[in-house]
N, C-alpha and C. Protein backbone atom coordinates (compact mmCIF):
# COMPACT_ATOMS: atom_id res chain seq x y z
N MET A 1 23.71 -41.73 67.10
CA MET A 1 23.23 -40.48 67.68
C MET A 1 21.76 -40.28 67.34
N GLU A 2 21.03 -39.72 68.29
CA GLU A 2 19.59 -39.48 68.10
C GLU A 2 19.36 -38.52 66.95
N LYS A 3 18.51 -38.90 66.04
CA LYS A 3 18.18 -38.04 64.91
C LYS A 3 17.20 -36.96 65.37
N GLN A 4 17.49 -35.71 64.99
CA GLN A 4 16.60 -34.62 65.38
C GLN A 4 15.28 -34.74 64.65
N LYS A 5 14.19 -34.70 65.42
CA LYS A 5 12.87 -34.81 64.81
C LYS A 5 12.48 -33.49 64.16
N PRO A 6 11.76 -33.53 63.04
CA PRO A 6 11.35 -32.29 62.38
C PRO A 6 10.44 -31.47 63.29
N TYR A 7 10.60 -30.17 63.23
CA TYR A 7 9.81 -29.27 64.07
C TYR A 7 8.45 -29.03 63.44
N HIS A 8 7.41 -29.02 64.26
CA HIS A 8 6.05 -28.76 63.80
C HIS A 8 5.62 -27.37 64.27
N VAL A 9 5.16 -26.58 63.35
CA VAL A 9 4.86 -25.17 63.59
C VAL A 9 3.82 -24.99 64.68
N GLN A 10 4.06 -23.97 65.53
CA GLN A 10 3.18 -23.67 66.65
C GLN A 10 2.58 -22.27 66.50
N ILE A 11 1.59 -21.98 67.32
CA ILE A 11 1.00 -20.64 67.38
C ILE A 11 2.06 -19.63 67.79
N ASN A 12 2.03 -18.45 67.17
CA ASN A 12 2.96 -17.34 67.39
C ASN A 12 4.31 -17.50 66.70
N ASP A 13 4.54 -18.64 66.04
CA ASP A 13 5.74 -18.74 65.21
C ASP A 13 5.64 -17.74 64.06
N ILE A 14 6.79 -17.28 63.60
CA ILE A 14 6.82 -16.38 62.45
C ILE A 14 7.53 -17.10 61.30
N LEU A 15 6.84 -17.20 60.17
CA LEU A 15 7.38 -17.89 59.01
C LEU A 15 7.82 -16.89 57.95
N ASN A 16 8.95 -17.19 57.34
CA ASN A 16 9.43 -16.39 56.22
C ASN A 16 9.18 -17.19 54.95
N VAL A 17 8.33 -16.66 54.09
CA VAL A 17 7.92 -17.36 52.86
C VAL A 17 8.49 -16.64 51.65
N ARG A 18 9.12 -17.38 50.76
CA ARG A 18 9.61 -16.82 49.50
C ARG A 18 9.05 -17.65 48.34
N VAL A 19 8.57 -16.97 47.31
CA VAL A 19 8.07 -17.64 46.11
C VAL A 19 8.91 -17.17 44.93
N LYS A 20 9.46 -18.10 44.20
CA LYS A 20 10.26 -17.78 43.02
C LYS A 20 9.61 -18.38 41.78
N ALA A 21 9.85 -17.74 40.63
CA ALA A 21 9.29 -18.22 39.37
C ALA A 21 10.19 -17.73 38.24
N LEU A 22 9.93 -18.23 37.02
CA LEU A 22 10.72 -17.79 35.87
C LEU A 22 10.59 -16.28 35.68
N ASP A 23 9.38 -15.79 35.83
CA ASP A 23 9.16 -14.34 35.78
C ASP A 23 8.92 -13.87 37.21
N GLN A 24 9.97 -13.33 37.81
CA GLN A 24 9.89 -12.98 39.22
C GLN A 24 8.88 -11.87 39.51
N ASP A 25 8.61 -11.04 38.51
CA ASP A 25 7.63 -9.97 38.71
C ASP A 25 6.24 -10.51 39.02
N ASN A 26 5.93 -11.71 38.51
CA ASN A 26 4.61 -12.30 38.71
C ASN A 26 4.37 -12.77 40.14
N VAL A 27 5.46 -12.95 40.90
CA VAL A 27 5.31 -13.48 42.27
C VAL A 27 5.77 -12.46 43.32
N GLN A 28 6.05 -11.25 42.90
CA GLN A 28 6.56 -10.25 43.82
C GLN A 28 5.60 -9.96 44.97
N ILE A 29 4.30 -10.06 44.71
CA ILE A 29 3.30 -9.78 45.74
C ILE A 29 3.40 -10.73 46.93
N PHE A 30 3.94 -11.93 46.70
CA PHE A 30 4.03 -12.92 47.77
C PHE A 30 5.27 -12.74 48.64
N ASN A 31 6.23 -11.95 48.18
CA ASN A 31 7.51 -11.85 48.87
C ASN A 31 7.64 -10.55 49.66
N PRO A 32 8.28 -10.61 50.84
CA PRO A 32 8.57 -9.38 51.58
C PRO A 32 9.51 -8.50 50.77
N PHE A 33 9.64 -7.25 51.15
CA PHE A 33 10.53 -6.34 50.46
C PHE A 33 11.96 -6.87 50.48
N GLY A 34 12.62 -6.76 49.35
CA GLY A 34 14.00 -7.23 49.25
C GLY A 34 14.05 -8.71 48.98
N ASP A 35 15.24 -9.18 48.65
CA ASP A 35 15.40 -10.60 48.32
C ASP A 35 16.68 -11.14 48.93
N GLU A 36 16.97 -10.69 50.17
CA GLU A 36 18.18 -11.13 50.84
C GLU A 36 17.98 -12.52 51.42
N ASN A 37 19.05 -12.99 52.06
CA ASN A 37 19.02 -14.28 52.74
C ASN A 37 17.84 -14.33 53.71
N LEU A 38 17.13 -15.46 53.75
CA LEU A 38 15.94 -15.59 54.60
C LEU A 38 16.26 -15.40 56.07
N ASN A 39 17.47 -15.72 56.48
CA ASN A 39 17.81 -15.63 57.90
C ASN A 39 18.48 -14.31 58.26
N ALA A 40 18.65 -13.42 57.29
CA ALA A 40 19.35 -12.17 57.54
C ALA A 40 18.44 -11.16 58.19
N GLY A 41 19.06 -10.18 58.85
CA GLY A 41 18.28 -9.07 59.39
C GLY A 41 17.96 -9.21 60.85
N SER A 42 17.24 -8.27 61.39
CA SER A 42 16.96 -8.21 62.81
C SER A 42 15.66 -8.94 63.14
N VAL A 43 15.45 -9.09 64.46
CA VAL A 43 14.20 -9.70 64.92
C VAL A 43 13.02 -8.83 64.52
N GLU A 44 13.21 -7.51 64.57
CA GLU A 44 12.14 -6.59 64.20
C GLU A 44 11.74 -6.76 62.74
N ARG A 45 12.72 -6.89 61.86
CA ARG A 45 12.42 -7.07 60.44
C ARG A 45 11.68 -8.39 60.22
N SER A 46 12.10 -9.43 60.93
CA SER A 46 11.43 -10.73 60.82
C SER A 46 9.97 -10.61 61.22
N TYR A 47 9.73 -9.83 62.28
CA TYR A 47 8.36 -9.68 62.77
C TYR A 47 7.46 -9.01 61.74
N PHE A 48 7.97 -7.94 61.09
CA PHE A 48 7.14 -7.18 60.17
C PHE A 48 7.06 -7.83 58.78
N ASP A 49 8.12 -8.51 58.35
CA ASP A 49 8.14 -9.11 57.01
C ASP A 49 7.60 -10.53 56.98
N GLY A 50 7.59 -11.20 58.15
CA GLY A 50 7.19 -12.60 58.19
C GLY A 50 5.68 -12.77 58.32
N PHE A 51 5.26 -14.03 58.31
CA PHE A 51 3.84 -14.38 58.46
C PHE A 51 3.66 -15.06 59.82
N THR A 52 2.96 -14.38 60.71
CA THR A 52 2.76 -14.89 62.07
C THR A 52 1.60 -15.87 62.12
N VAL A 53 1.83 -17.00 62.78
CA VAL A 53 0.78 -18.01 62.95
C VAL A 53 -0.16 -17.51 64.05
N ASP A 54 -1.43 -17.28 63.70
CA ASP A 54 -2.38 -16.72 64.67
C ASP A 54 -2.89 -17.79 65.63
N VAL A 55 -3.78 -17.38 66.54
CA VAL A 55 -4.28 -18.29 67.58
C VAL A 55 -5.08 -19.45 67.02
N HIS A 56 -5.51 -19.34 65.78
CA HIS A 56 -6.25 -20.43 65.13
C HIS A 56 -5.32 -21.31 64.27
N GLY A 57 -4.03 -20.97 64.26
CA GLY A 57 -3.07 -21.77 63.48
C GLY A 57 -2.97 -21.35 62.03
N ASN A 58 -3.48 -20.15 61.69
CA ASN A 58 -3.47 -19.70 60.29
C ASN A 58 -2.41 -18.65 60.02
N ILE A 59 -1.96 -18.60 58.78
CA ILE A 59 -1.21 -17.46 58.26
C ILE A 59 -2.02 -16.89 57.10
N ARG A 60 -1.86 -15.62 56.83
CA ARG A 60 -2.63 -14.97 55.77
C ARG A 60 -1.68 -14.49 54.69
N ILE A 61 -1.79 -15.11 53.51
CA ILE A 61 -0.89 -14.82 52.39
C ILE A 61 -1.65 -14.05 51.32
N PRO A 62 -1.03 -13.00 50.73
CA PRO A 62 -1.71 -12.24 49.68
C PRO A 62 -2.24 -13.16 48.58
N THR A 63 -3.44 -12.86 48.13
CA THR A 63 -4.14 -13.59 47.04
C THR A 63 -4.63 -14.97 47.48
N LEU A 64 -3.78 -15.72 48.20
CA LEU A 64 -4.17 -17.07 48.62
C LEU A 64 -5.09 -17.05 49.83
N GLY A 65 -5.04 -15.99 50.62
CA GLY A 65 -5.88 -15.91 51.81
C GLY A 65 -5.28 -16.69 52.97
N LYS A 66 -6.15 -17.22 53.83
CA LYS A 66 -5.70 -17.92 55.04
C LYS A 66 -5.34 -19.37 54.74
N LEU A 67 -4.22 -19.80 55.36
CA LEU A 67 -3.79 -21.18 55.28
C LEU A 67 -3.55 -21.68 56.69
N ASN A 68 -4.08 -22.84 57.03
CA ASN A 68 -3.84 -23.41 58.35
C ASN A 68 -2.53 -24.21 58.33
N VAL A 69 -1.57 -23.78 59.12
CA VAL A 69 -0.25 -24.41 59.10
C VAL A 69 0.12 -25.03 60.44
N LEU A 70 -0.79 -24.96 61.43
CA LEU A 70 -0.50 -25.46 62.77
C LEU A 70 -0.21 -26.96 62.75
N GLY A 71 0.93 -27.34 63.30
CA GLY A 71 1.29 -28.75 63.38
C GLY A 71 2.01 -29.31 62.17
N TYR A 72 2.20 -28.48 61.13
CA TYR A 72 2.90 -28.93 59.94
C TYR A 72 4.39 -28.57 60.02
N THR A 73 5.22 -29.31 59.30
CA THR A 73 6.63 -28.95 59.17
C THR A 73 6.77 -27.89 58.07
N THR A 74 7.91 -27.22 58.04
CA THR A 74 8.12 -26.20 57.00
C THR A 74 8.12 -26.82 55.60
N GLU A 75 8.60 -28.04 55.48
CA GLU A 75 8.58 -28.72 54.18
C GLU A 75 7.15 -28.97 53.73
N GLU A 76 6.31 -29.39 54.65
CA GLU A 76 4.90 -29.65 54.32
C GLU A 76 4.19 -28.35 53.93
N ILE A 77 4.55 -27.26 54.59
CA ILE A 77 3.94 -25.96 54.26
C ILE A 77 4.40 -25.49 52.88
N GLU A 78 5.66 -25.74 52.54
CA GLU A 78 6.15 -25.42 51.19
C GLU A 78 5.31 -26.12 50.14
N GLN A 79 5.08 -27.41 50.36
CA GLN A 79 4.29 -28.20 49.40
C GLN A 79 2.85 -27.71 49.33
N MET A 80 2.30 -27.34 50.48
CA MET A 80 0.93 -26.85 50.55
C MET A 80 0.77 -25.56 49.74
N ILE A 81 1.70 -24.60 49.94
CA ILE A 81 1.63 -23.32 49.24
C ILE A 81 1.86 -23.51 47.75
N GLU A 82 2.82 -24.33 47.40
CA GLU A 82 3.12 -24.57 45.98
C GLU A 82 1.91 -25.18 45.26
N LYS A 83 1.27 -26.15 45.90
CA LYS A 83 0.10 -26.79 45.29
C LYS A 83 -1.04 -25.78 45.11
N LYS A 84 -1.26 -24.93 46.13
CA LYS A 84 -2.34 -23.96 46.06
C LYS A 84 -2.08 -22.93 44.96
N LEU A 85 -0.83 -22.53 44.81
CA LEU A 85 -0.47 -21.57 43.75
C LEU A 85 -0.72 -22.16 42.36
N LEU A 86 -0.35 -23.42 42.19
CA LEU A 86 -0.53 -24.08 40.89
C LEU A 86 -2.00 -24.39 40.61
N ASP A 87 -2.74 -24.69 41.66
CA ASP A 87 -4.17 -24.99 41.47
C ASP A 87 -4.99 -23.74 41.15
N GLU A 88 -4.59 -22.60 41.73
CA GLU A 88 -5.45 -21.42 41.66
C GLU A 88 -4.91 -20.27 40.81
N ILE A 89 -3.60 -20.19 40.62
CA ILE A 89 -3.06 -18.99 39.98
C ILE A 89 -2.14 -19.28 38.80
N PHE A 90 -1.16 -20.14 38.99
CA PHE A 90 -0.13 -20.36 37.97
C PHE A 90 -0.27 -21.70 37.28
N LYS A 91 0.44 -21.82 36.17
CA LYS A 91 0.52 -23.08 35.44
C LYS A 91 1.87 -23.73 35.74
N GLU A 92 1.99 -25.00 35.40
CA GLU A 92 3.24 -25.74 35.64
C GLU A 92 4.43 -25.06 34.97
N THR A 93 4.17 -24.44 33.80
CA THR A 93 5.27 -23.81 33.05
C THR A 93 5.86 -22.59 33.77
N ALA A 94 5.20 -22.10 34.82
CA ALA A 94 5.73 -20.96 35.56
C ALA A 94 6.93 -21.34 36.42
N ASN A 95 7.12 -22.67 36.61
CA ASN A 95 8.23 -23.17 37.43
C ASN A 95 8.26 -22.52 38.82
N ILE A 96 7.17 -22.66 39.53
CA ILE A 96 7.07 -22.09 40.88
C ILE A 96 7.98 -22.85 41.84
N PHE A 97 8.67 -22.10 42.67
CA PHE A 97 9.53 -22.70 43.71
C PHE A 97 9.30 -21.95 45.02
N VAL A 98 8.88 -22.67 46.05
CA VAL A 98 8.53 -22.05 47.33
C VAL A 98 9.50 -22.50 48.42
N THR A 99 9.96 -21.54 49.22
CA THR A 99 10.75 -21.88 50.40
C THR A 99 10.08 -21.28 51.63
N VAL A 100 10.05 -22.06 52.71
CA VAL A 100 9.47 -21.62 53.98
C VAL A 100 10.47 -21.92 55.09
N LYS A 101 10.80 -20.90 55.89
CA LYS A 101 11.71 -21.07 57.01
C LYS A 101 11.16 -20.35 58.24
N LEU A 102 11.53 -20.86 59.40
CA LEU A 102 11.26 -20.12 60.63
C LEU A 102 12.20 -18.92 60.69
N THR A 103 11.70 -17.77 61.13
CA THR A 103 12.54 -16.58 61.19
C THR A 103 13.34 -16.58 62.49
N GLY A 104 14.30 -17.48 62.55
CA GLY A 104 15.14 -17.58 63.73
C GLY A 104 14.60 -18.55 64.76
N LEU A 105 15.48 -18.97 65.66
CA LEU A 105 15.12 -19.92 66.71
C LEU A 105 15.15 -19.16 68.04
N LYS A 106 13.96 -18.92 68.59
CA LYS A 106 13.83 -18.14 69.82
C LYS A 106 13.74 -19.07 71.02
N TYR A 107 14.52 -18.78 72.08
CA TYR A 107 14.47 -19.57 73.30
C TYR A 107 14.73 -18.66 74.49
N THR A 108 14.42 -19.14 75.69
CA THR A 108 14.56 -18.35 76.91
C THR A 108 15.39 -19.12 77.92
N THR A 109 16.34 -18.42 78.57
CA THR A 109 17.15 -19.03 79.62
C THR A 109 16.78 -18.41 80.97
N MET A 110 16.74 -19.26 82.01
CA MET A 110 16.36 -18.82 83.35
C MET A 110 17.22 -19.54 84.37
N GLY A 111 17.24 -18.99 85.58
CA GLY A 111 17.91 -19.66 86.68
C GLY A 111 19.38 -19.33 86.79
N GLU A 112 20.18 -20.34 87.13
CA GLU A 112 21.60 -20.16 87.42
C GLU A 112 22.41 -20.19 86.13
N ILE A 113 22.32 -19.08 85.39
CA ILE A 113 23.02 -18.95 84.13
C ILE A 113 23.47 -17.50 84.03
N ASN A 114 24.61 -17.27 83.40
CA ASN A 114 25.23 -15.94 83.46
C ASN A 114 24.40 -14.84 82.82
N SER A 115 23.60 -15.18 81.81
CA SER A 115 22.79 -14.17 81.15
C SER A 115 21.41 -14.75 80.85
N THR A 116 20.43 -14.36 81.66
CA THR A 116 19.08 -14.87 81.46
C THR A 116 18.32 -13.99 80.46
N GLY A 117 17.21 -14.51 79.97
CA GLY A 117 16.39 -13.73 79.05
C GLY A 117 16.11 -14.50 77.77
N THR A 118 15.45 -13.82 76.83
CA THR A 118 15.06 -14.44 75.56
C THR A 118 16.04 -14.05 74.46
N ARG A 119 16.43 -15.04 73.67
CA ARG A 119 17.36 -14.81 72.56
C ARG A 119 16.81 -15.44 71.29
N THR A 120 17.26 -14.92 70.16
CA THR A 120 16.91 -15.49 68.87
C THR A 120 18.20 -15.75 68.09
N LEU A 121 18.41 -16.99 67.70
CA LEU A 121 19.57 -17.35 66.88
C LEU A 121 19.08 -17.63 65.47
N PHE A 122 19.76 -17.05 64.50
CA PHE A 122 19.34 -17.24 63.11
C PHE A 122 20.02 -18.48 62.53
N GLN A 123 19.64 -19.60 63.10
CA GLN A 123 20.10 -20.92 62.68
C GLN A 123 18.91 -21.86 62.69
N GLU A 124 19.01 -22.92 61.90
CA GLU A 124 17.93 -23.90 61.88
C GLU A 124 18.15 -25.02 62.90
N ARG A 125 19.39 -25.15 63.37
CA ARG A 125 19.74 -26.27 64.23
C ARG A 125 20.66 -25.77 65.34
N VAL A 126 20.20 -25.85 66.59
CA VAL A 126 20.96 -25.37 67.74
C VAL A 126 20.84 -26.40 68.86
N ASN A 127 21.98 -26.86 69.40
CA ASN A 127 21.90 -27.80 70.51
C ASN A 127 21.94 -27.07 71.85
N ILE A 128 21.67 -27.79 72.93
CA ILE A 128 21.56 -27.20 74.25
C ILE A 128 22.86 -26.52 74.68
N LEU A 129 24.00 -27.10 74.31
CA LEU A 129 25.29 -26.52 74.70
C LEU A 129 25.53 -25.19 73.98
N GLU A 130 25.16 -25.12 72.70
CA GLU A 130 25.30 -23.87 71.95
C GLU A 130 24.37 -22.80 72.51
N ALA A 131 23.16 -23.20 72.86
CA ALA A 131 22.19 -22.24 73.41
C ALA A 131 22.70 -21.65 74.72
N ILE A 132 23.26 -22.51 75.58
CA ILE A 132 23.79 -22.04 76.86
C ILE A 132 25.02 -21.17 76.65
N ALA A 133 25.89 -21.56 75.73
CA ALA A 133 27.09 -20.77 75.44
C ALA A 133 26.72 -19.37 74.96
N ASN A 134 25.64 -19.26 74.20
CA ASN A 134 25.18 -17.95 73.72
C ASN A 134 24.49 -17.15 74.82
N SER A 135 24.31 -17.77 75.98
CA SER A 135 23.69 -17.07 77.11
C SER A 135 24.70 -16.88 78.25
N GLY A 136 25.97 -16.91 77.91
CA GLY A 136 26.99 -16.61 78.91
C GLY A 136 27.48 -17.78 79.73
N ASP A 137 27.02 -18.98 79.43
CA ASP A 137 27.46 -20.21 80.09
C ASP A 137 26.90 -20.32 81.52
N ILE A 138 27.13 -21.49 82.13
CA ILE A 138 26.64 -21.78 83.48
C ILE A 138 27.77 -21.59 84.48
N PRO A 139 27.57 -20.80 85.53
CA PRO A 139 28.62 -20.62 86.54
C PRO A 139 28.79 -21.87 87.39
N VAL A 140 29.81 -21.87 88.27
CA VAL A 140 30.08 -23.06 89.09
C VAL A 140 28.95 -23.34 90.07
N THR A 141 28.07 -22.37 90.27
CA THR A 141 26.94 -22.57 91.19
C THR A 141 25.74 -23.23 90.52
N GLY A 142 25.83 -23.47 89.22
CA GLY A 142 24.73 -24.10 88.49
C GLY A 142 24.81 -25.61 88.50
N ASP A 143 23.67 -26.26 88.51
CA ASP A 143 23.60 -27.73 88.54
C ASP A 143 23.60 -28.27 87.11
N LEU A 144 24.76 -28.77 86.67
CA LEU A 144 24.89 -29.30 85.32
C LEU A 144 24.23 -30.66 85.15
N LYS A 145 23.97 -31.32 86.26
CA LYS A 145 23.45 -32.68 86.20
C LYS A 145 21.93 -32.75 85.97
N ASP A 146 21.26 -31.62 86.13
CA ASP A 146 19.80 -31.65 85.96
C ASP A 146 19.31 -30.32 85.39
N VAL A 147 19.61 -30.10 84.11
CA VAL A 147 19.15 -28.91 83.41
C VAL A 147 17.77 -29.20 82.82
N LEU A 148 16.84 -28.29 83.02
CA LEU A 148 15.47 -28.53 82.58
C LEU A 148 15.18 -27.86 81.24
N ILE A 149 14.53 -28.60 80.36
CA ILE A 149 14.00 -28.06 79.11
C ILE A 149 12.49 -28.04 79.24
N ILE A 150 11.90 -26.85 79.22
CA ILE A 150 10.45 -26.73 79.29
C ILE A 150 9.96 -26.47 77.87
N ARG A 151 9.30 -27.45 77.31
CA ARG A 151 8.97 -27.42 75.87
C ARG A 151 7.45 -27.31 75.66
N GLN A 152 7.11 -26.55 74.62
CA GLN A 152 5.70 -26.34 74.28
C GLN A 152 5.21 -27.48 73.37
N TYR A 153 4.03 -28.00 73.67
CA TYR A 153 3.36 -29.00 72.84
C TYR A 153 1.92 -28.56 72.64
N PRO A 154 1.24 -29.08 71.61
CA PRO A 154 -0.17 -28.70 71.40
C PRO A 154 -1.03 -28.92 72.63
N GLN A 155 -0.70 -29.94 73.43
CA GLN A 155 -1.50 -30.26 74.61
C GLN A 155 -1.00 -29.53 75.86
N GLY A 156 0.07 -28.74 75.73
CA GLY A 156 0.58 -27.99 76.88
C GLY A 156 2.09 -28.13 77.00
N GLN A 157 2.63 -27.73 78.16
CA GLN A 157 4.07 -27.77 78.40
C GLN A 157 4.48 -29.09 79.03
N LYS A 158 5.70 -29.53 78.69
CA LYS A 158 6.30 -30.70 79.34
C LYS A 158 7.73 -30.34 79.75
N ILE A 159 8.18 -30.95 80.85
CA ILE A 159 9.53 -30.70 81.35
C ILE A 159 10.40 -31.92 81.07
N HIS A 160 11.58 -31.68 80.50
CA HIS A 160 12.53 -32.75 80.21
C HIS A 160 13.84 -32.44 80.94
N HIS A 161 14.51 -33.49 81.41
CA HIS A 161 15.73 -33.34 82.21
C HIS A 161 16.95 -33.79 81.40
N LEU A 162 18.03 -32.98 81.47
CA LEU A 162 19.27 -33.31 80.77
C LEU A 162 20.44 -33.25 81.74
N ASP A 163 21.30 -34.26 81.68
CA ASP A 163 22.55 -34.26 82.46
C ASP A 163 23.68 -33.85 81.52
N LEU A 164 24.14 -32.61 81.65
CA LEU A 164 25.16 -32.10 80.74
C LEU A 164 26.55 -32.61 81.05
N THR A 165 26.70 -33.37 82.14
CA THR A 165 28.01 -33.96 82.46
C THR A 165 28.17 -35.34 81.82
N ASP A 166 27.11 -35.84 81.24
CA ASP A 166 27.12 -37.18 80.63
C ASP A 166 27.19 -37.04 79.12
N VAL A 167 28.19 -37.68 78.50
CA VAL A 167 28.36 -37.60 77.05
C VAL A 167 27.15 -38.14 76.30
N GLU A 168 26.37 -39.01 76.96
CA GLU A 168 25.19 -39.59 76.33
C GLU A 168 24.08 -38.55 76.09
N VAL A 169 24.28 -37.35 76.64
CA VAL A 169 23.28 -36.30 76.43
C VAL A 169 23.11 -36.01 74.94
N MET A 170 24.16 -36.26 74.16
CA MET A 170 24.08 -36.00 72.71
C MET A 170 23.13 -36.95 72.01
N ASN A 171 22.78 -38.05 72.67
CA ASN A 171 21.83 -39.00 72.09
C ASN A 171 20.39 -38.72 72.51
N SER A 172 20.22 -37.70 73.35
CA SER A 172 18.88 -37.39 73.84
C SER A 172 18.04 -36.72 72.75
N PRO A 173 16.74 -37.04 72.70
CA PRO A 173 15.86 -36.36 71.73
C PRO A 173 15.66 -34.88 72.06
N TYR A 174 16.15 -34.45 73.23
CA TYR A 174 16.02 -33.05 73.64
C TYR A 174 17.34 -32.29 73.59
N TYR A 175 18.35 -32.94 73.01
CA TYR A 175 19.68 -32.32 72.89
C TYR A 175 19.62 -31.08 72.01
N TYR A 176 18.83 -31.16 70.94
CA TYR A 176 18.63 -29.99 70.07
C TYR A 176 17.39 -29.24 70.53
N ILE A 177 17.55 -27.95 70.76
CA ILE A 177 16.41 -27.18 71.25
C ILE A 177 15.46 -26.86 70.10
N GLN A 178 14.25 -26.49 70.47
CA GLN A 178 13.22 -26.11 69.50
C GLN A 178 12.76 -24.69 69.80
N PRO A 179 12.13 -24.03 68.82
CA PRO A 179 11.62 -22.69 69.06
C PRO A 179 10.70 -22.66 70.29
N ASN A 180 10.87 -21.60 71.07
CA ASN A 180 10.06 -21.34 72.28
C ASN A 180 10.42 -22.22 73.46
N ASP A 181 11.52 -22.98 73.36
CA ASP A 181 11.99 -23.74 74.52
C ASP A 181 12.40 -22.79 75.64
N MET A 182 12.19 -23.23 76.88
CA MET A 182 12.72 -22.52 78.05
C MET A 182 13.75 -23.42 78.72
N ILE A 183 14.93 -22.88 78.98
CA ILE A 183 16.02 -23.63 79.60
C ILE A 183 16.20 -23.12 81.03
N TYR A 184 16.01 -24.00 82.00
CA TYR A 184 16.15 -23.59 83.40
C TYR A 184 17.29 -24.37 84.06
N VAL A 185 18.24 -23.62 84.63
CA VAL A 185 19.38 -24.22 85.33
C VAL A 185 19.18 -24.01 86.83
N LYS A 186 19.09 -25.12 87.56
CA LYS A 186 18.89 -25.03 89.01
C LYS A 186 20.20 -24.71 89.71
N PRO A 187 20.13 -23.99 90.85
CA PRO A 187 21.35 -23.75 91.63
C PRO A 187 21.76 -25.01 92.38
N LEU A 188 23.06 -25.16 92.62
CA LEU A 188 23.52 -26.26 93.44
C LEU A 188 23.03 -26.08 94.87
N LYS A 189 22.97 -27.17 95.62
CA LYS A 189 22.41 -27.12 96.96
C LYS A 189 23.16 -26.16 97.87
N GLN A 190 24.52 -26.10 97.73
CA GLN A 190 25.27 -25.24 98.63
C GLN A 190 24.92 -23.77 98.45
N LYS A 191 24.50 -23.39 97.20
CA LYS A 191 24.08 -22.00 97.02
C LYS A 191 22.72 -21.78 97.65
N SER A 192 21.84 -22.78 97.53
CA SER A 192 20.52 -22.67 98.14
C SER A 192 20.64 -22.50 99.65
N TRP A 193 21.68 -23.14 100.22
CA TRP A 193 21.88 -23.04 101.66
C TRP A 193 22.60 -21.74 102.04
N GLY A 194 23.08 -21.00 101.01
CA GLY A 194 23.77 -19.75 101.29
C GLY A 194 25.23 -19.93 101.62
N THR A 195 25.82 -21.11 101.32
CA THR A 195 27.24 -21.35 101.58
C THR A 195 28.03 -21.08 100.33
N GLY A 196 29.31 -21.49 100.32
CA GLY A 196 30.22 -21.13 99.23
C GLY A 196 29.95 -21.83 97.93
N THR A 197 30.65 -21.38 96.90
CA THR A 197 30.47 -21.95 95.57
C THR A 197 31.49 -23.04 95.27
N ASN A 198 32.52 -23.20 96.12
CA ASN A 198 33.50 -24.26 95.90
C ASN A 198 33.96 -24.78 97.25
N LEU A 199 34.89 -25.75 97.24
CA LEU A 199 35.31 -26.43 98.47
C LEU A 199 35.94 -25.46 99.45
N LEU A 200 36.85 -24.59 98.97
CA LEU A 200 37.53 -23.66 99.87
C LEU A 200 36.54 -22.71 100.52
N GLN A 201 35.58 -22.22 99.72
CA GLN A 201 34.59 -21.31 100.28
C GLN A 201 33.68 -22.02 101.27
N ASN A 202 33.36 -23.29 100.99
CA ASN A 202 32.54 -24.06 101.92
C ASN A 202 33.26 -24.27 103.25
N ILE A 203 34.57 -24.60 103.17
CA ILE A 203 35.37 -24.78 104.39
C ILE A 203 35.41 -23.47 105.18
N GLY A 204 35.58 -22.37 104.43
CA GLY A 204 35.62 -21.06 105.08
C GLY A 204 34.30 -20.74 105.76
N ALA A 205 33.19 -21.08 105.10
CA ALA A 205 31.87 -20.82 105.69
C ALA A 205 31.67 -21.64 106.95
N VAL A 206 32.08 -22.91 106.92
CA VAL A 206 31.94 -23.78 108.10
C VAL A 206 32.82 -23.27 109.23
N ALA A 207 34.05 -22.86 108.89
CA ALA A 207 34.96 -22.35 109.91
C ALA A 207 34.39 -21.10 110.58
N THR A 208 33.78 -20.22 109.79
CA THR A 208 33.18 -19.00 110.32
C THR A 208 32.05 -19.32 111.29
N ILE A 209 31.20 -20.28 110.91
CA ILE A 209 30.09 -20.69 111.77
C ILE A 209 30.61 -21.27 113.08
N LEU A 210 31.64 -22.15 113.01
CA LEU A 210 32.21 -22.76 114.20
C LEU A 210 32.82 -21.70 115.12
N SER A 211 33.47 -20.71 114.47
CA SER A 211 34.09 -19.63 115.24
C SER A 211 33.02 -18.83 116.00
N LEU A 212 31.91 -18.56 115.30
CA LEU A 212 30.83 -17.81 115.94
C LEU A 212 30.23 -18.61 117.09
N LEU A 213 30.08 -19.92 116.92
CA LEU A 213 29.52 -20.77 117.97
C LEU A 213 30.45 -20.81 119.18
N THR A 214 31.76 -20.93 118.90
CA THR A 214 32.74 -20.96 119.99
C THR A 214 32.72 -19.67 120.78
N THR A 215 32.70 -18.54 120.06
CA THR A 215 32.66 -17.23 120.72
C THR A 215 31.42 -17.09 121.57
N THR A 216 30.30 -17.56 121.05
CA THR A 216 29.03 -17.49 121.78
C THR A 216 29.08 -18.30 123.06
N VAL A 217 29.68 -19.51 122.99
CA VAL A 217 29.80 -20.38 124.17
C VAL A 217 30.69 -19.73 125.23
N ILE A 218 31.83 -19.15 124.79
CA ILE A 218 32.76 -18.51 125.74
C ILE A 218 32.08 -17.35 126.45
N LEU A 219 31.38 -16.51 125.65
CA LEU A 219 30.69 -15.37 126.26
C LEU A 219 29.61 -15.83 127.23
N TYR A 220 28.91 -16.87 126.87
CA TYR A 220 27.84 -17.39 127.72
C TYR A 220 28.40 -17.89 129.05
N ASN A 221 29.57 -18.59 128.98
CA ASN A 221 30.19 -19.14 130.19
C ASN A 221 30.71 -18.05 131.12
N ARG A 222 31.01 -16.87 130.56
CA ARG A 222 31.54 -15.77 131.37
C ARG A 222 30.43 -15.01 132.09
N LEU A 223 29.19 -15.24 131.64
CA LEU A 223 28.08 -14.52 132.28
C LEU A 223 27.80 -15.05 133.68
């Protein structure tokens, strides 16, 4: 199975940073209010308590000032903050421990899906099937064979195609979604044409059209 590649932080991501030490009072200034689970709480709380990556790729941490985190993984940012704390403020004996997490995984669903819009899941790992299930699933009018993932990259957006009817989709590097992904489900052709959503409805639609044509011909011949 395809190994999920580590996520690299992007502009507008919100990071939740926690600093722990033997004497917790010494590091309280670095931590948001409270000491609950990093993934707990609402999107609003994450927004106000977290550190937002600005348009220049920086976050601003008390005492440490600005740190450029654009393109780094959360593990690399942990190491970066820990090193800066030890170099500038604390000694090794303080036993500094830093954790950095994304404040939820935000994605957007569009197209032929039961519930469109933006959602945030407080998980570190979410696959395409879980993301769709949390958005009400795909109706019978949706095209499962060509679901689009529109993904953000430093150089811009790229579109990736997934066939959800093929078990090999689990081996795709795009099987697991990333923050800010957009998932677009195209309608099946019969819906685009305005016909039925299944075989019986399609037969009914064709029969109706034939009936209308026959009636039109009969009326025309009577004129």
